[in-house]
Amino acid sequence: MSLGVLFGGPSPEHDISILTGLQALRELSRRSDTVGIYWSKSNAFHLVSSSVEADAFLEGVPAGSSELSLRLGAEGGFVVAGGRFQKERRLDLDAVVLATHGGPGEDGTLQGALDLANIPYGGPSAAGAALGMDKWVFAQLVTSAGLPSLPRALLTSETTSLPFEGPYILKPRFGGSSIGIDVVADLDTARARLVTNAHLSRGCVVEPYRADLHDLQIAVRTYPEVELSAIERPIRRSSGAEILDYADKYVGGEGMVSAPRELPAVLAESRADLIRSAARTLVDVALVRGVARIDFLANDSETYVNEINTIPGSLSKHLFVDPVRSFADLLSDLVREATARPTHQYSSAGADGLVLRSAGAIATKLA
């Protein structure tokens, strides 16, 4: 097969996406003809070497890369730009694995473009990505499915009261699980953060901050059938930390693989069953596809669904210890799902011309 790994993008999580992408690129290159497709911070696509290292991206696009364009339509695809003595050429890819975190790479924008270009991809669909990225909409899905969730409200500069007491935790409505998160004591400070925290500019959701709650995480994958990983309790590097932050997750030689954790988490079987059941429910109601991570908050007596990451860092490979699934297994099944269950299936059934034949002159409809 001829494969591509797409990573980067104009997102706050651009750098982490590069690390996930390069890991996937190396692994897939061992068994398939695989190319790297780097999406720059300036919203341009580039063909990069499968052996490129992370530090090659420190100054932007790595040396020796070729510019790509994304062409839509029935004959769409990624096209290598031509030169003075070279014609443009289309990359003949059987599938693309998405390693894009945050921003337009995880909110459905990229997925919709790939659908219109008829490029099969492994990862969330456009609809599933959009549902997962919007923290407000996802919270409504969780509640409507009857799953436990902390109360959540939208926060704007006009908000004069909230349906719960502080302190509060503020989250970008359309952001990841770590960047831009803020904990404040009162509503006045919360409104002020809308001005000073750039990550909240597109929208902000607010919840009661509960210092007694800790994090629990489980990964799911949907091909060849729905399968759950072990449940993890990640440990915050600082005992006084308010949240599991960006540094806890990603700053370290191996990212989450080297982060402190309890895996599998030591839980009562009833608690573990609740988490597994909630995860399976969310696969259906949140349109999960590919590999996703679902985050929970819990204490000794309570468990709440927190959020979903539809393209988690390193595809949450470290969580698949029971059952054991290698990174190669995860990637291979993403590729198989991309080709066996394509997302770009459109129908024009019903567009039989009847309305057009009876329409008459357009001018009569403007009168």
Protein backbone atom coordinates (compact mmCIF):
# COMPACT_ATOMS: atom_id res chain seq x y z
CA MET A 1 0.00 0.00 0.00
CA SER A 2 0.96 3.61 -0.48
CA LEU A 3 0.27 5.63 2.65
CA GLY A 4 0.63 9.14 4.01
CA VAL A 5 0.92 10.46 7.56
CA LEU A 6 -0.46 13.98 7.97
CA PHE A 7 0.76 16.05 10.93
CA GLY A 8 1.34 19.60 12.14
CA GLY A 9 -1.20 22.28 11.30
CA PRO A 10 -2.02 25.84 12.44
CA SER A 11 -2.81 24.77 16.00
CA PRO A 12 -1.45 25.37 19.51
CA GLU A 13 -0.69 21.64 19.51
CA HIS A 14 1.36 21.84 16.30
CA ASP A 15 4.59 20.64 17.95
CA ILE A 16 3.01 17.64 19.68
CA SER A 17 1.37 16.72 16.40
CA ILE A 18 4.81 16.59 14.77
CA LEU A 19 6.00 14.11 17.40
CA THR A 20 2.95 11.88 16.94
CA GLY A 21 3.28 12.13 13.18
CA LEU A 22 6.95 11.24 13.08
CA GLN A 23 6.39 8.20 15.30
CA ALA A 24 3.61 6.98 12.99
CA LEU A 25 5.71 7.75 9.91
CA ARG A 26 8.64 5.69 11.17
CA GLU A 27 6.46 2.75 12.15
CA LEU A 28 4.46 2.61 8.93
CA SER A 29 7.58 3.07 6.78
CA ARG A 30 8.88 -0.27 8.04
CA ARG A 31 6.18 -2.16 6.15
CA SER A 32 4.64 0.19 3.57
CA ASP A 33 5.58 2.88 1.10
CA THR A 34 4.81 5.84 3.38
CA VAL A 35 5.30 9.59 2.95
CA GLY A 36 5.13 12.41 5.46
CA ILE A 37 2.73 15.29 4.81
CA TYR A 38 3.63 18.25 6.99
CA TRP A 39 0.98 20.94 7.53
CA SER A 40 2.75 24.14 8.49
CA LYS A 41 1.70 26.80 10.98
CA SER A 42 1.06 29.06 7.98
CA ASN A 43 -1.49 26.58 6.54
CA ALA A 44 0.63 25.08 3.75
CA PHE A 45 1.25 21.40 3.00
CA HIS A 46 4.71 19.97 2.34
CA LEU A 47 6.05 16.54 1.41
CA VAL A 48 8.82 15.61 3.87
CA SER A 49 11.29 12.75 4.17
CA SER A 50 10.23 9.70 6.16
CA SER A 51 13.54 9.94 8.06
CA VAL A 52 13.19 13.59 9.12
CA GLU A 53 13.81 14.35 12.82
CA ALA A 54 11.80 16.63 15.11
CA ASP A 55 14.46 19.34 15.34
CA ALA A 56 14.24 19.86 11.57
CA PHE A 57 10.95 21.68 12.19
CA LEU A 58 12.33 24.20 14.69
CA GLU A 59 12.73 26.87 12.03
CA GLY A 60 9.63 25.91 10.07
CA VAL A 61 9.51 23.73 6.96
CA PRO A 62 12.42 21.24 6.85
CA ALA A 63 15.04 21.67 4.15
CA GLY A 64 14.49 19.50 1.10
CA SER A 65 10.70 19.47 1.42
CA SER A 66 8.40 19.80 -1.59
CA GLU A 67 5.35 22.02 -1.63
CA LEU A 68 1.98 20.26 -1.90
CA SER A 69 -1.47 21.46 -2.82
CA LEU A 70 -4.73 19.77 -1.86
CA ARG A 71 -6.99 19.40 -4.87
CA LEU A 72 -10.69 18.73 -4.35
CA GLY A 73 -13.08 16.78 -6.55
CA ALA A 74 -13.47 13.30 -7.99
CA GLU A 75 -9.83 13.28 -9.10
CA GLY A 76 -8.66 15.11 -6.00
CA GLY A 77 -5.66 14.44 -3.83
CA PHE A 78 -2.34 15.88 -2.75
CA VAL A 79 -0.35 17.23 -5.68
CA VAL A 80 3.39 17.93 -5.73
CA ALA A 81 3.99 21.32 -7.31
CA GLY A 82 5.76 21.33 -10.66
CA GLY A 83 8.90 23.26 -11.49
CA ARG A 84 10.74 24.59 -14.48
CA PHE A 85 11.77 21.14 -15.67
CA GLN A 86 9.27 19.00 -13.79
CA LYS A 87 5.55 18.47 -14.16
CA GLU A 88 3.29 18.44 -11.16
CA ARG A 89 2.39 14.97 -9.92
CA ARG A 90 -0.40 13.60 -7.82
CA LEU A 91 0.44 11.48 -4.77
CA ASP A 92 -1.26 8.15 -5.35
CA LEU A 93 -2.18 7.32 -1.75
CA ASP A 94 -4.39 4.46 -0.63
CA ALA A 95 -4.99 6.11 2.75
CA VAL A 96 -3.75 8.85 5.07
CA VAL A 97 -3.28 8.49 8.84
CA LEU A 98 -4.20 11.66 10.73
CA ALA A 99 -1.81 12.74 13.49
CA THR A 100 -3.16 16.29 13.77
CA HIS A 101 -3.90 17.58 17.27
CA GLY A 102 -6.16 20.54 17.99
CA GLY A 103 -7.26 23.36 15.72
CA PRO A 104 -8.48 22.64 12.18
CA GLY A 105 -6.80 19.23 12.20
CA GLU A 106 -9.09 17.93 14.94
CA ASP A 107 -12.27 20.00 14.63
CA GLY A 108 -13.59 18.55 11.37
CA THR A 109 -12.10 21.16 9.02
CA LEU A 110 -9.32 18.94 7.66
CA GLN A 111 -11.56 15.90 7.63
CA GLY A 112 -14.14 17.70 5.49
CA ALA A 113 -11.47 18.79 3.02
CA LEU A 114 -10.13 15.24 2.73
CA ASP A 115 -13.66 13.96 2.16
CA LEU A 116 -14.11 16.44 -0.70
CA ALA A 117 -10.76 15.35 -2.13
CA ASN A 118 -11.81 11.67 -1.98
CA ILE A 119 -8.85 10.77 0.24
CA PRO A 120 -9.53 7.88 2.67
CA TYR A 121 -8.18 8.62 6.14
CA GLY A 122 -7.78 6.94 9.49
CA GLY A 123 -9.15 8.95 12.40
CA PRO A 124 -12.36 10.78 13.28
CA SER A 125 -14.92 11.74 10.66
CA ALA A 126 -15.70 15.41 10.07
CA ALA A 127 -18.81 15.16 12.24
CA GLY A 128 -17.12 13.15 14.99
CA ALA A 129 -14.17 15.52 15.12
CA ALA A 130 -16.47 18.55 15.35
CA LEU A 131 -18.51 17.00 18.15
CA GLY A 132 -15.42 16.09 20.12
CA MET A 133 -13.74 19.48 19.77
CA ASP A 134 -16.72 21.57 20.90
CA LYS A 135 -16.70 21.21 24.69
CA TRP A 136 -20.15 22.76 25.02
CA VAL A 137 -21.82 20.47 22.49
CA PHE A 138 -19.97 17.42 23.82
CA ALA A 139 -21.26 18.19 27.32
CA GLN A 140 -24.83 18.24 25.99
CA LEU A 141 -24.24 14.85 24.34
CA VAL A 142 -22.93 13.40 27.59
CA THR A 143 -25.92 14.69 29.56
CA SER A 144 -28.47 13.56 26.97
CA ALA A 145 -26.93 10.07 27.02
CA GLY A 146 -27.56 9.90 30.77
CA LEU A 147 -23.88 9.88 31.67
CA PRO A 148 -22.54 11.68 34.76
CA SER A 149 -20.99 15.09 34.05
CA LEU A 150 -20.09 18.18 36.03
CA PRO A 151 -22.33 21.18 35.30
CA ARG A 152 -20.96 23.29 32.46
CA ALA A 153 -21.93 26.75 31.23
CA LEU A 154 -20.91 29.16 28.51
CA LEU A 155 -19.02 32.23 29.71
CA THR A 156 -19.13 35.57 27.90
CA SER A 157 -18.36 39.16 28.84
CA GLU A 158 -22.11 39.58 29.42
CA THR A 159 -22.39 36.73 31.93
CA THR A 160 -23.62 38.11 35.26
CA SER A 161 -24.17 34.86 37.15
CA LEU A 162 -23.45 31.15 36.94
CA PRO A 163 -25.62 28.23 38.09
CA PHE A 164 -22.90 26.96 40.44
CA GLU A 165 -20.47 28.39 42.97
CA GLY A 166 -16.76 29.03 42.46
CA PRO A 167 -13.91 28.47 42.27
CA TYR A 168 -14.19 27.94 38.53
CA ILE A 169 -12.19 26.20 35.83
CA LEU A 170 -12.21 27.90 32.43
CA LYS A 171 -11.64 25.95 29.23
CA PRO A 172 -11.42 27.01 25.57
CA ARG A 173 -14.66 25.90 23.97
CA PHE A 174 -12.80 24.75 20.85
CA GLY A 175 -9.47 23.69 22.34
CA GLY A 176 -7.51 20.74 23.63
CA SER A 177 -7.43 19.27 27.10
CA SER A 178 -4.51 21.27 28.54
CA ILE A 179 -3.62 24.48 26.69
CA GLY A 180 -5.51 27.58 27.78
CA ILE A 181 -7.04 26.02 30.91
CA ASP A 182 -7.41 28.50 33.78
CA VAL A 183 -8.59 28.17 37.40
CA VAL A 184 -10.06 31.30 39.02
CA ALA A 185 -11.75 32.15 42.29
CA ASP A 186 -14.70 34.27 41.16
CA LEU A 187 -16.81 35.43 38.23
CA ASP A 188 -15.14 38.84 37.89
CA THR A 189 -11.74 37.19 37.44
CA ALA A 190 -13.27 34.69 35.04
CA ARG A 191 -14.63 37.47 32.81
CA ALA A 192 -11.27 39.24 32.93
CA ARG A 193 -9.59 36.08 31.63
CA LEU A 194 -11.68 36.35 28.47
CA VAL A 195 -9.53 39.37 27.61
CA THR A 196 -6.13 38.21 28.86
CA ASN A 197 -6.26 34.53 27.82
CA ALA A 198 -6.04 34.39 24.02
CA HIS A 199 -7.09 30.74 23.96
CA LEU A 200 -10.56 31.76 25.18
CA SER A 201 -11.19 34.24 22.37
CA ARG A 202 -13.34 31.87 20.27
CA GLY A 203 -15.47 30.77 23.19
CA CYS A 204 -15.19 29.67 26.79
CA VAL A 205 -16.90 27.04 28.90
CA VAL A 206 -16.81 27.14 32.68
CA GLU A 207 -17.27 24.43 35.29
CA PRO A 208 -16.98 24.28 39.06
CA TYR A 209 -13.36 23.55 39.96
CA ARG A 210 -13.16 20.49 42.20
CA ALA A 211 -9.77 20.04 43.85
CA ASP A 212 -10.89 16.67 45.22
CA LEU A 213 -11.19 15.12 41.77
CA HIS A 214 -8.38 13.29 40.00
CA ASP A 215 -7.95 12.21 36.39
CA LEU A 216 -8.77 8.82 34.89
CA GLN A 217 -8.35 7.99 31.21
CA ILE A 218 -9.31 5.20 28.85
CA ALA A 219 -8.64 4.81 25.13
CA VAL A 220 -11.00 3.27 22.60
CA ARG A 221 -10.46 2.01 19.09
CA THR A 222 -13.20 1.16 16.64
CA TYR A 223 -11.71 -1.27 14.11
CA PRO A 224 -12.08 -4.14 13.48
CA GLU A 225 -14.47 -3.84 16.43
CA VAL A 226 -14.82 -1.57 19.42
CA GLU A 227 -12.08 -2.29 21.94
CA LEU A 228 -11.16 -0.54 25.18
CA SER A 229 -7.71 -0.05 26.65
CA ALA A 230 -6.71 -0.35 30.27
CA ILE A 231 -7.80 2.51 32.52
CA GLU A 232 -5.02 4.88 33.57
CA ARG A 233 -4.67 7.27 36.48
CA PRO A 234 -2.11 9.88 35.34
CA ILE A 235 -0.19 11.50 38.18
CA ARG A 236 0.39 15.24 38.26
CA ARG A 237 4.09 15.99 38.54
CA SER A 238 3.43 18.55 41.27
CA SER A 239 1.24 17.47 44.17
CA GLY A 240 -0.14 21.01 44.35
CA ALA A 241 -1.01 21.25 40.66
CA GLU A 242 -4.60 22.29 39.93
CA ILE A 243 -4.90 20.23 36.72
CA LEU A 244 -3.05 17.64 34.65
CA ASP A 245 -1.27 20.19 32.48
CA TYR A 246 0.64 20.34 29.21
CA ALA A 247 4.00 19.67 30.90
CA ASP A 248 2.59 16.63 32.72
CA LYS A 249 1.49 15.14 29.41
CA TYR A 250 4.13 16.10 26.90
CA VAL A 251 7.33 17.64 28.26
CA GLY A 252 9.74 14.74 28.57
CA GLY A 253 11.78 12.54 26.33
CA GLU A 254 8.93 10.12 25.63
CA GLY A 255 5.90 12.32 26.36
CA MET A 256 3.07 10.42 28.05
CA VAL A 257 5.11 7.21 27.97
CA SER A 258 7.53 8.70 30.50
CA ALA A 259 4.93 10.60 32.56
CA PRO A 260 4.14 9.31 36.07
CA ARG A 261 1.02 7.15 36.16
CA GLU A 262 -0.86 4.27 37.68
CA LEU A 263 -1.53 1.83 34.83
CA PRO A 264 -3.73 -0.07 35.10
CA ALA A 265 -5.39 2.17 37.66
CA VAL A 266 -6.25 0.49 40.95
CA LEU A 267 -10.05 0.77 40.99
CA ALA A 268 -13.04 -1.00 42.43
CA GLU A 269 -14.53 -3.20 39.71
CA SER A 270 -17.78 -1.24 39.89
CA ARG A 271 -15.89 1.99 39.11
CA ALA A 272 -14.01 0.37 36.25
CA ASP A 273 -17.26 -1.04 34.84
CA LEU A 274 -18.87 2.41 34.95
CA ILE A 275 -15.97 3.91 33.00
CA ARG A 276 -15.97 1.13 30.42
CA SER A 277 -19.73 1.37 29.97
CA ALA A 278 -19.60 5.15 29.54
CA ALA A 279 -16.79 4.82 27.00
CA ARG A 280 -18.78 2.32 24.93
CA THR A 281 -21.83 4.57 25.02
CA LEU A 282 -19.78 7.54 23.84
CA VAL A 283 -18.42 5.58 20.88
CA ASP A 284 -21.96 5.62 19.50
CA VAL A 285 -23.33 8.99 20.60
CA ALA A 286 -20.13 10.96 19.83
CA LEU A 287 -19.47 9.19 16.50
CA VAL A 288 -16.04 7.95 17.59
CA ARG A 289 -13.87 6.57 14.78
CA GLY A 290 -10.25 5.48 14.87
CA VAL A 291 -8.41 5.75 18.19
CA ALA A 292 -9.71 8.19 20.81
CA ARG A 293 -9.07 8.90 24.48
CA ILE A 294 -11.89 9.64 26.91
CA ASP A 295 -11.03 11.53 30.09
CA PHE A 296 -12.88 11.22 33.38
CA LEU A 297 -12.72 13.01 36.74
CA ALA A 298 -13.27 11.05 39.94
CA ASN A 299 -12.91 10.88 43.70
CA ASP A 300 -13.68 8.03 46.10
CA SER A 301 -17.43 8.17 45.46
CA GLU A 302 -18.03 10.13 42.23
CA THR A 303 -17.08 9.66 38.58
CA TYR A 304 -17.72 12.18 35.79
CA VAL A 305 -17.13 12.19 32.04
CA ASN A 306 -14.81 15.12 31.34
CA GLU A 307 -13.96 15.23 27.63
CA ILE A 308 -12.82 13.31 24.58
CA ASN A 309 -9.68 13.58 22.48
CA THR A 310 -10.47 12.27 19.00
CA ILE A 311 -6.78 12.20 17.92
CA PRO A 312 -4.83 11.72 21.17
CA GLY A 313 -1.08 12.27 21.47
CA SER A 314 0.88 9.24 20.19
CA LEU A 315 -2.57 7.70 19.60
CA SER A 316 -2.59 6.75 23.31
CA LYS A 317 -0.41 3.77 22.45
CA HIS A 318 0.82 3.52 26.05
CA LEU A 319 -2.70 2.70 27.30
CA PHE A 320 -3.07 -0.54 25.35
CA VAL A 321 -1.49 -2.84 27.92
CA ASP A 322 -4.63 -4.91 28.60
CA PRO A 323 -5.27 -6.11 25.99
CA VAL A 324 -1.80 -5.58 24.57
CA ARG A 325 -1.87 -3.77 21.24
CA SER A 326 1.35 -2.56 19.68
CA PHE A 327 1.70 0.80 17.96
CA ALA A 328 1.99 -1.14 14.71
CA ASP A 329 -1.36 -2.83 15.45
CA LEU A 330 -3.08 0.50 16.10
CA LEU A 331 -1.73 2.04 12.91
CA SER A 332 -2.50 -0.99 10.75
CA ASP A 333 -6.10 -1.02 11.92
CA LEU A 334 -6.43 2.73 11.33
CA VAL A 335 -5.35 2.14 7.73
CA ARG A 336 -7.74 -0.79 7.33
CA GLU A 337 -10.61 1.25 8.74
CA ALA A 338 -9.79 4.11 6.37
CA THR A 339 -10.23 1.86 3.34
CA ALA A 340 -12.94 -0.50 4.62
CA ARG A 341 -15.18 2.20 6.14
CA PRO A 342 -14.55 5.37 4.13
CA THR A 343 -16.16 8.56 5.39
CA HIS A 344 -16.71 10.27 2.03
CA GLN A 345 -19.94 8.58 1.03
CA TYR A 346 -22.38 11.04 -0.49
CA SER A 347 -25.81 10.51 -1.99
CA SER A 348 -27.82 12.55 -4.47
CA ALA A 349 -30.88 10.33 -4.14
CA GLY A 350 -33.98 12.47 -4.54
CA ALA A 351 -32.30 15.02 -6.80
CA ASP A 352 -34.24 13.71 -9.80
CA GLY A 353 -34.82 17.02 -11.60
CA LEU A 354 -38.51 17.29 -10.71
CA VAL A 355 -38.08 20.61 -8.88
CA LEU A 356 -35.97 22.04 -11.70
CA ARG A 357 -38.45 21.06 -14.40
CA SER A 358 -41.29 22.77 -12.56
CA ALA A 359 -39.32 25.81 -11.41
CA GLY A 360 -40.05 28.17 -14.29
CA ALA A 361 -38.06 31.37 -14.78
CA ILE A 362 -35.88 32.44 -11.84
CA ALA A 363 -37.03 36.04 -12.37
CA THR A 364 -40.52 35.05 -11.21
CA LYS A 365 -39.07 33.93 -7.88
CA LEU A 366 -37.38 37.30 -7.35
CA ALA A 367 -40.51 39.35 -7.94
